PDB file of N, CA and C in Angstrom:
ATOM      1  N   MET A   1    -105.628-127.975 -78.020  1.00  0.00           N
ATOM      2  CA  MET A   1    -106.888-127.095 -78.411  1.00  0.00           C
ATOM      3  C   MET A   1    -106.155-125.842 -79.066  1.00  0.00           C
ATOM      4  N   GLU A   2    -106.521-125.152 -80.162  1.00  0.00           N
ATOM      5  CA  GLU A   2    -105.621-124.195 -80.752  1.00  0.00           C
ATOM      6  C   GLU A   2    -106.342-122.928 -80.261  1.00  0.00           C
ATOM      7  N   LEU A   3    -105.374-121.831 -80.118  1.00  0.00           N
ATOM      8  CA  LEU A   3    -105.632-120.729 -79.586  1.00  0.00           C
ATOM      9  C   LEU A   3    -106.859-119.921 -80.024  1.00  0.00           C
ATOM     10  N   ASN A   4    -107.171-120.136 -81.505  1.00  0.00           N
ATOM     11  CA  ASN A   4    -108.133-119.362 -81.930  1.00  0.00           C
ATOM     12  C   ASN A   4    -109.658-119.984 -81.120  1.00  0.00           C
ATOM     13  N   LYS A   5    -109.439-121.363 -80.967  1.00  0.00           N
ATOM     14  CA  LYS A   5    -110.559-122.103 -80.252  1.00  0.00           C
ATOM     15  C   LYS A   5    -110.898-121.507 -78.657  1.00  0.00           C
ATOM     16  N   ILE A   6    -109.744-121.394 -78.136  1.00  0.00           N
ATOM     17  CA  ILE A   6    -109.652-120.919 -76.753  1.00  0.00           C
ATOM     18  C   ILE A   6    -109.996-119.441 -76.769  1.00  0.00           C
ATOM     19  N   ARG A   7    -109.910-118.526 -77.660  1.00  0.00           N
ATOM     20  CA  ARG A   7    -110.155-117.462 -77.593  1.00  0.00           C
ATOM     21  C   ARG A   7    -111.571-117.166 -77.883  1.00  0.00           C
ATOM     22  N   SER A   8    -112.272-118.144 -78.377  1.00  0.00           N
ATOM     23  CA  SER A   8    -113.759-117.997 -78.778  1.00  0.00           C
ATOM     24  C   SER A   8    -114.556-118.600 -77.791  1.00  0.00           C
ATOM     25  N   LEU A   9    -114.035-119.230 -76.567  1.00  0.00           N
ATOM     26  CA  LEU A   9    -114.754-119.707 -75.478  1.00  0.00           C
ATOM     27  C   LEU A   9    -115.178-118.555 -74.621  1.00  0.00           C
ATOM     28  N   SER A  10    -116.422-118.782 -74.006  1.00  0.00           N
ATOM     29  CA  SER A  10    -116.860-117.619 -72.992  1.00  0.00           C
ATOM     30  C   SER A  10    -116.017-118.005 -71.593  1.00  0.00           C
ATOM     31  N   ASP A  11    -116.164-116.952 -70.843  1.00  0.00           N
ATOM     32  CA  ASP A  11    -115.448-117.148 -69.544  1.00  0.00           C
ATOM     33  C   ASP A  11    -115.724-118.276 -68.836  1.00  0.00           C
ATOM     34  N   GLU A  12    -116.966-118.640 -68.756  1.00  0.00           N
ATOM     35  CA  GLU A  12    -117.347-119.869 -67.786  1.00  0.00           C
ATOM     36  C   GLU A  12    -116.675-121.160 -68.294  1.00  0.00           C
ATOM     37  N   GLU A  13    -116.711-121.324 -70.161  1.00  0.00           N
ATOM     38  CA  GLU A  13    -116.285-122.338 -70.591  1.00  0.00           C
ATOM     39  C   GLU A  13    -114.847-122.528 -70.465  1.00  0.00           C
ATOM     40  N   LEU A  14    -114.067-121.126 -70.621  1.00  0.00           N
ATOM     41  CA  LEU A  14    -112.655-121.196 -70.279  1.00  0.00           C
ATOM     42  C   LEU A  14    -112.201-121.637 -68.817  1.00  0.00           C
ATOM     43  N   ALA A  15    -112.803-121.049 -68.034  1.00  0.00           N
ATOM     44  CA  ALA A  15    -112.662-121.627 -66.563  1.00  0.00           C
ATOM     45  C   ALA A  15    -112.854-123.170 -66.327  1.00  0.00           C
ATOM     46  N   ALA A  16    -113.972-123.486 -67.029  1.00  0.00           N
ATOM     47  CA  ALA A  16    -114.241-125.079 -66.911  1.00  0.00           C
ATOM     48  C   ALA A  16    -113.175-125.861 -67.863  1.00  0.00           C
ATOM     49  N   HIS A  17    -112.902-125.374 -68.795  1.00  0.00           N
ATOM     50  CA  HIS A  17    -111.661-126.144 -69.503  1.00  0.00           C
ATOM     51  C   HIS A  17    -110.338-126.145 -68.864  1.00  0.00           C
ATOM     52  N   GLU A  18    -110.157-125.128 -68.083  1.00  0.00           N
ATOM     53  CA  GLU A  18    -108.885-124.685 -67.442  1.00  0.00           C
ATOM     54  C   GLU A  18    -108.944-126.083 -66.285  1.00  0.00           C
ATOM     55  N   LYS A  19    -110.152-125.938 -65.602  1.00  0.00           N
ATOM     56  CA  LYS A  19    -110.249-127.009 -64.548  1.00  0.00           C
ATOM     57  C   LYS A  19    -110.012-128.363 -64.966  1.00  0.00           C
ATOM     58  N   THR A  20    -110.702-128.813 -66.147  1.00  0.00           N
ATOM     59  CA  THR A  20    -110.399-130.248 -66.483  1.00  0.00           C
ATOM     60  C   THR A  20    -109.000-130.449 -67.054  1.00  0.00           C
ATOM     61  N   SER A  21    -108.486-129.807 -67.588  1.00  0.00           N
ATOM     62  CA  SER A  21    -107.076-129.620 -68.060  1.00  0.00           C
ATOM     63  C   SER A  21    -106.063-129.943 -66.989  1.00  0.00           C
ATOM     64  N   ALA A  22    -106.299-129.085 -65.973  1.00  0.00           N
ATOM     65  CA  ALA A  22    -105.621-129.501 -64.626  1.00  0.00           C
ATOM     66  C   ALA A  22    -105.727-130.585 -64.035  1.00  0.00           C
ATOM     67  N   GLU A  23    -106.906-131.302 -63.888  1.00  0.00           N
ATOM     68  CA  GLU A  23    -107.232-132.504 -63.481  1.00  0.00           C
ATOM     69  C   GLU A  23    -106.607-133.508 -64.293  1.00  0.00           C
ATOM     70  N   GLN A  24    -106.764-133.482 -65.465  1.00  0.00           N
ATOM     71  CA  GLN A  24    -105.973-134.368 -66.598  1.00  0.00           C
ATOM     72  C   GLN A  24    -104.421-134.199 -66.211  1.00  0.00           C
ATOM     73  N   LEU A  25    -103.980-133.133 -66.081  1.00  0.00           N
ATOM     74  CA  LEU A  25    -102.555-132.999 -65.921  1.00  0.00           C
ATOM     75  C   LEU A  25    -101.974-133.507 -64.583  1.00  0.00           C
ATOM     76  N   PHE A  26    -102.818-133.505 -63.534  1.00  0.00           N
ATOM     77  CA  PHE A  26    -102.601-134.153 -62.243  1.00  0.00           C
ATOM     78  C   PHE A  26    -102.734-135.788 -62.280  1.00  0.00           C
ATOM     79  N   ARG A  27    -103.721-136.093 -63.148  1.00  0.00           N
ATOM     80  CA  ARG A  27    -103.640-137.670 -63.303  1.00  0.00           C
ATOM     81  C   ARG A  27    -102.650-138.375 -64.249  1.00  0.00           C
ATOM     82  N   LEU A  28    -102.317-137.344 -65.014  1.00  0.00           N
ATOM     83  CA  LEU A  28    -101.109-138.132 -65.884  1.00  0.00           C
ATOM     84  C   LEU A  28     -99.853-137.900 -65.015  1.00  0.00           C
ATOM     85  N   ARG A  29     -99.525-136.825 -64.357  1.00  0.00           N
ATOM     86  CA  ARG A  29     -98.358-136.864 -63.470  1.00  0.00           C
ATOM     87  C   ARG A  29     -98.504-138.006 -62.490  1.00  0.00           C
ATOM     88  N   PHE A  30     -99.305-138.374 -61.936  1.00  0.00           N
ATOM     89  CA  PHE A  30     -99.667-139.452 -60.903  1.00  0.00           C
ATOM     90  C   PHE A  30     -99.136-140.577 -61.827  1.00  0.00           C
ATOM     91  N   GLN A  31     -99.609-140.759 -62.977  1.00  0.00           N
ATOM     92  CA  GLN A  31     -99.477-142.087 -63.671  1.00  0.00           C
ATOM     93  C   GLN A  31     -97.903-142.354 -63.875  1.00  0.00           C
ATOM     94  N   VAL A  32     -97.305-141.022 -64.645  1.00  0.00           N
ATOM     95  CA  VAL A  32     -95.922-141.186 -64.768  1.00  0.00           C
ATOM     96  C   VAL A  32     -95.162-141.508 -63.594  1.00  0.00           C
ATOM     97  N   SER A  33     -95.364-140.892 -62.416  1.00  0.00           N
ATOM     98  CA  SER A  33     -94.668-141.330 -61.311  1.00  0.00           C
ATOM     99  C   SER A  33     -94.847-142.595 -60.589  1.00  0.00           C
ATOM    100  N   MET A  34     -95.944-143.351 -61.100  1.00  0.00           N
ATOM    101  CA  MET A  34     -96.112-144.554 -60.636  1.00  0.00           C
ATOM    102  C   MET A  34     -95.481-145.467 -61.599  1.00  0.00           C
ATOM    103  N   GLY A  35     -94.977-145.246 -62.813  1.00  0.00           N
ATOM    104  CA  GLY A  35     -94.440-145.836 -63.863  1.00  0.00           C
ATOM    105  C   GLY A  35     -95.532-146.487 -64.858  1.00  0.00           C
ATOM    106  N   GLN A  36     -96.901-146.019 -64.673  1.00  0.00           N
ATOM    107  CA  GLN A  36     -97.886-146.688 -65.690  1.00  0.00           C
ATOM    108  C   GLN A  36     -97.762-146.051 -67.022  1.00  0.00           C
ATOM    109  N   ASN A  37     -97.370-144.974 -67.114  1.00  0.00           N
ATOM    110  CA  ASN A  37     -97.498-144.235 -68.397  1.00  0.00           C
ATOM    111  C   ASN A  37     -96.155-143.431 -68.536  1.00  0.00           C
ATOM    112  N   ASP A  38     -95.827-143.322 -69.914  1.00  0.00           N
ATOM    113  CA  ASP A  38     -94.661-142.550 -70.413  1.00  0.00           C
ATOM    114  C   ASP A  38     -95.345-141.209 -71.438  1.00  0.00           C
ATOM    115  N   GLY A  39     -96.011-140.470 -70.705  1.00  0.00           N
ATOM    116  CA  GLY A  39     -96.765-139.593 -71.531  1.00  0.00           C
ATOM    117  C   GLY A  39     -96.092-138.075 -71.370  1.00  0.00           C
ATOM    118  N   VAL A  40     -94.875-138.012 -71.868  1.00  0.00           N
ATOM    119  CA  VAL A  40     -94.082-136.828 -71.791  1.00  0.00           C
ATOM    120  C   VAL A  40     -94.722-135.855 -72.863  1.00  0.00           C
ATOM    121  N   LYS A  41     -95.074-136.250 -73.968  1.00  0.00           N
ATOM    122  CA  LYS A  41     -95.732-135.338 -74.976  1.00  0.00           C
ATOM    123  C   LYS A  41     -96.960-134.856 -74.570  1.00  0.00           C
ATOM    124  N   LYS A  42     -97.699-135.770 -73.979  1.00  0.00           N
ATOM    125  CA  LYS A  42     -99.179-135.281 -73.372  1.00  0.00           C
ATOM    126  C   LYS A  42     -98.803-134.290 -72.170  1.00  0.00           C
ATOM    127  N   LEU A  43     -98.093-134.559 -71.277  1.00  0.00           N
ATOM    128  CA  LEU A  43     -97.693-133.452 -70.224  1.00  0.00           C
ATOM    129  C   LEU A  43     -97.409-132.025 -70.734  1.00  0.00           C
ATOM    130  N   ARG A  44     -96.466-132.187 -71.795  1.00  0.00           N
ATOM    131  CA  ARG A  44     -95.970-130.883 -72.398  1.00  0.00           C
ATOM    132  C   ARG A  44     -97.237-130.129 -73.040  1.00  0.00           C
ATOM    133  N   GLN A  45     -98.169-130.938 -73.863  1.00  0.00           N
ATOM    134  CA  GLN A  45     -99.404-130.343 -74.459  1.00  0.00           C
ATOM    135  C   GLN A  45    -100.288-129.919 -73.428  1.00  0.00           C
ATOM    136  N   LEU A  46    -100.542-130.576 -72.156  1.00  0.00           N
ATOM    137  CA  LEU A  46    -101.413-129.985 -71.400  1.00  0.00           C
ATOM    138  C   LEU A  46    -100.914-128.795 -70.662  1.00  0.00           C
ATOM    139  N   ARG A  47     -99.660-128.749 -70.310  1.00  0.00           N
ATOM    140  CA  ARG A  47     -99.223-127.503 -69.598  1.00  0.00           C
ATOM    141  C   ARG A  47     -99.116-126.471 -70.538  1.00  0.00           C
ATOM    142  N   LYS A  48     -99.056-126.492 -71.757  1.00  0.00           N
ATOM    143  CA  LYS A  48     -99.107-125.552 -72.768  1.00  0.00           C
ATOM    144  C   LYS A  48    -100.485-124.958 -72.880  1.00  0.00           C
ATOM    145  N   GLU A  49    -101.366-125.923 -72.966  1.00  0.00           N
ATOM    146  CA  GLU A  49    -102.929-125.464 -73.146  1.00  0.00           C
ATOM    147  C   GLU A  49    -103.366-124.831 -71.809  1.00  0.00           C
ATOM    148  N   ILE A  50    -102.950-125.223 -70.813  1.00  0.00           N
ATOM    149  CA  ILE A  50    -103.215-124.527 -69.612  1.00  0.00           C
ATOM    150  C   ILE A  50    -102.683-123.181 -69.337  1.00  0.00           C
ATOM    151  N   ALA A  51    -101.375-122.893 -69.897  1.00  0.00           N
ATOM    152  CA  ALA A  51    -100.987-121.585 -69.970  1.00  0.00           C
ATOM    153  C   ALA A  51    -101.633-120.910 -70.990  1.00  0.00           C
ATOM    154  N   GLN A  52    -102.115-121.245 -72.009  1.00  0.00           N
ATOM    155  CA  GLN A  52    -102.611-120.500 -73.028  1.00  0.00           C
ATOM    156  C   GLN A  52    -103.939-120.102 -72.616  1.00  0.00           C
ATOM    157  N   ILE A  53    -104.820-120.978 -71.940  1.00  0.00           N
ATOM    158  CA  ILE A  53    -106.009-120.641 -71.323  1.00  0.00           C
ATOM    159  C   ILE A  53    -105.749-119.480 -70.132  1.00  0.00           C
ATOM    160  N   LYS A  54    -104.758-119.618 -69.263  1.00  0.00           N
ATOM    161  CA  LYS A  54    -104.642-118.510 -68.339  1.00  0.00           C
ATOM    162  C   LYS A  54    -104.401-117.399 -69.054  1.00  0.00           C
ATOM    163  N   THR A  55    -103.739-117.377 -69.963  1.00  0.00           N
ATOM    164  CA  THR A  55    -103.212-116.113 -70.814  1.00  0.00           C
ATOM    165  C   THR A  55    -104.277-115.193 -71.393  1.00  0.00           C
ATOM    166  N   VAL A  56    -105.165-116.263 -71.869  1.00  0.00           N
ATOM    167  CA  VAL A  56    -106.334-115.552 -72.527  1.00  0.00           C
ATOM    168  C   VAL A  56    -107.329-114.942 -71.530  1.00  0.00           C
ATOM    169  N   ALA A  57    -107.407-115.582 -70.372  1.00  0.00           N
ATOM    170  CA  ALA A  57    -108.202-115.005 -69.121  1.00  0.00           C
ATOM    171  C   ALA A  57    -107.687-114.001 -68.616  1.00  0.00           C
ATOM    172  N   ARG A  58    -106.231-113.968 -68.510  1.00  0.00           N
ATOM    173  CA  ARG A  58    -105.690-112.751 -67.924  1.00  0.00           C
ATOM    174  C   ARG A  58    -105.877-111.382 -69.043  1.00  0.00           C
ATOM    175  N   GLU A  59    -105.644-111.587 -70.173  1.00  0.00           N
ATOM    176  CA  GLU A  59    -106.021-110.821 -71.278  1.00  0.00           C
ATOM    177  C   GLU A  59    -107.497-110.020 -71.154  1.00  0.00           C
ATOM    178  N   ARG A  60    -108.400-110.881 -70.895  1.00  0.00           N
ATOM    179  CA  ARG A  60    -109.619-110.415 -70.741  1.00  0.00           C
ATOM    180  C   ARG A  60    -109.722-109.689 -69.624  1.00  0.00           C
ATOM    181  N   ALA A  61    -109.241-109.974 -68.555  1.00  0.00           N
ATOM    182  CA  ALA A  61    -109.311-109.511 -67.110  1.00  0.00           C
ATOM    183  C   ALA A  61    -108.814-108.073 -67.321  1.00  0.00           C
ATOM    184  N   LEU A  62    -107.691-107.736 -68.075  1.00  0.00           N
ATOM    185  CA  LEU A  62    -106.836-106.477 -68.247  1.00  0.00           C
ATOM    186  C   LEU A  62    -107.516-105.861 -69.449  1.00  0.00           C
ATOM    187  N   GLY A  63    -108.164-106.565 -70.324  1.00  0.00           N
ATOM    188  CA  GLY A  63    -108.864-105.736 -71.310  1.00  0.00           C
ATOM    189  C   GLY A  63    -107.694-105.369 -72.331  1.00  0.00           C
ATOM    190  N   VAL A  64    -106.787-106.248 -72.422  1.00  0.00           N
ATOM    191  CA  VAL A  64    -105.556-105.939 -73.543  1.00  0.00           C
ATOM    192  C   VAL A  64    -106.107-106.378 -74.991  1.00  0.00           C
ATOM    193  N   ARG A  65    -106.891-107.506 -75.116  1.00  0.00           N
ATOM    194  CA  ARG A  65    -107.449-107.924 -76.298  1.00  0.00           C
ATOM    195  C   ARG A  65    -108.553-107.140 -76.799  1.00  0.00           C
ATOM    196  N   GLY A  66    -108.800-106.605 -77.927  1.00  0.00           N
ATOM    197  CA  GLY A  66    -110.009-106.145 -78.345  1.00  0.00           C
ATOM    198  C   GLY A  66    -110.265-104.584 -77.906  1.00  0.00           C
ATOM    199  N   ALA A  67    -109.142-103.884 -77.228  1.00  0.00           N
ATOM    200  CA  ALA A  67    -109.304-102.613 -76.782  1.00  0.00           C
ATOM    201  C   ALA A  67    -109.393-101.850 -78.138  1.00  0.00           C
ATOM    202  N   SER A  68    -108.402-102.172 -79.068  1.00  0.00           N
ATOM    203  CA  SER A  68    -108.147-101.388 -80.358  1.00  0.00           C
ATOM    204  C   SER A  68    -109.454-101.655 -81.324  1.00  0.00           C
ATOM    205  N   LYS A  69    -110.128-102.680 -81.094  1.00  0.00           N
ATOM    206  CA  LYS A  69    -111.252-102.660 -81.905  1.00  0.00           C
ATOM    207  C   LYS A  69    -112.543-101.768 -81.607  1.00  0.00           C
ATOM    208  N   ASP A  70    -112.401-101.444 -80.207  1.00  0.00           N
ATOM    209  CA  ASP A  70    -113.511-100.529 -79.817  1.00  0.00           C
ATOM    210  C   ASP A  70    -113.267 -99.189 -79.933  1.00  0.00           C
ATOM    211  N   GLY A  71    -112.075 -98.814 -80.703  1.00  0.00           N
ATOM    212  CA  GLY A  71    -111.682 -97.547 -81.007  1.00  0.00           C
ATOM    213  C   GLY A  71    -110.692 -96.781 -79.725  1.00  0.00           C
ATOM    214  N   GLY A  72    -110.674 -97.367 -78.732  1.00  0.00           N
ATOM    215  CA  GLY A  72    -109.858 -97.134 -77.570  1.00  0.00           C
ATOM    216  C   GLY A  72    -108.220 -97.081 -77.956  1.00  0.00           C
ATOM    217  N   VAL A  73    -107.606 -96.831 -77.247  1.00  0.00           N
ATOM    218  CA  VAL A  73    -105.879 -96.552 -77.326  1.00  0.00           C
ATOM    219  C   VAL A  73    -105.512 -97.933 -76.809  1.00  0.00           C
ATOM    220  N   PRO A  74    -104.845 -98.691 -77.567  1.00  0.00           N
ATOM    221  CA  PRO A  74    -104.309-100.034 -77.351  1.00  0.00           C
ATOM    222  C   PRO A  74    -103.303 -99.942 -75.932  1.00  0.00           C
ATOM    223  N   ALA A  75    -103.392-100.833 -75.101  1.00  0.00           N
ATOM    224  CA  ALA A  75    -102.585-100.737 -74.052  1.00  0.00           C
ATOM    225  C   ALA A  75    -101.226-101.037 -74.248  1.00  0.00           C
ATOM    226  N   ALA A  76    -100.716-101.851 -75.034  1.00  0.00           N
ATOM    227  CA  ALA A  76     -99.078-101.834 -75.319  1.00  0.00           C
ATOM    228  C   ALA A  76     -99.159-102.095 -76.789  1.00  0.00           C
ATOM    229  N   GLY A  77     -99.021-101.054 -77.366  1.00  0.00           N
ATOM    230  CA  GLY A  77     -98.992-100.954 -78.984  1.00  0.00           C
ATOM    231  C   GLY A  77     -97.669-100.483 -79.297  1.00  0.00           C
ATOM    232  N   LYS A  78     -97.475-100.216 -80.431  1.00  0.00           N
ATOM    233  CA  LYS A  78     -95.985 -99.688 -80.993  1.00  0.00           C
ATOM    234  C   LYS A  78     -95.650 -98.231 -80.455  1.00  0.00           C
ATOM    235  N   GLY A  79     -96.653 -97.517 -79.983  1.00  0.00           N
ATOM    236  CA  GLY A  79     -96.364 -96.052 -79.734  1.00  0.00           C
ATOM    237  C   GLY A  79     -96.649 -95.803 -78.356  1.00  0.00           C
ATOM    238  N   ALA A  80     -96.685 -96.819 -77.634  1.00  0.00           N
ATOM    239  CA  ALA A  80     -96.813 -96.854 -76.111  1.00  0.00           C
ATOM    240  C   ALA A  80     -95.653 -96.771 -75.491  1.00  0.00           C
ATOM    241  N   ARG A  81     -94.860 -95.637 -75.649  1.00  0.00           N
ATOM    242  CA  ARG A  81     -93.462 -95.646 -74.974  1.00  0.00           C
ATOM    243  C   ARG A  81     -93.635 -94.364 -74.156  1.00  0.00           C
TER     244      ARG A  81
END
């Protein structure tokens, strides 16, 4: 899933997508350990997707994204030294 699509999800959809991706990752890891599957590329893709989802969720929790659109001071911009 692309980052733009992840950012457009609601908080509930984001949590649900994270849960399903984590379940897929668990099952795929189990299959690889049993020798049933050689899904190294899929493992890497799922780990990246979960990391992106967690990053977007954390940005929302901290209010990092969208702060400059509201006219507020950006949390970590060029002039934040």
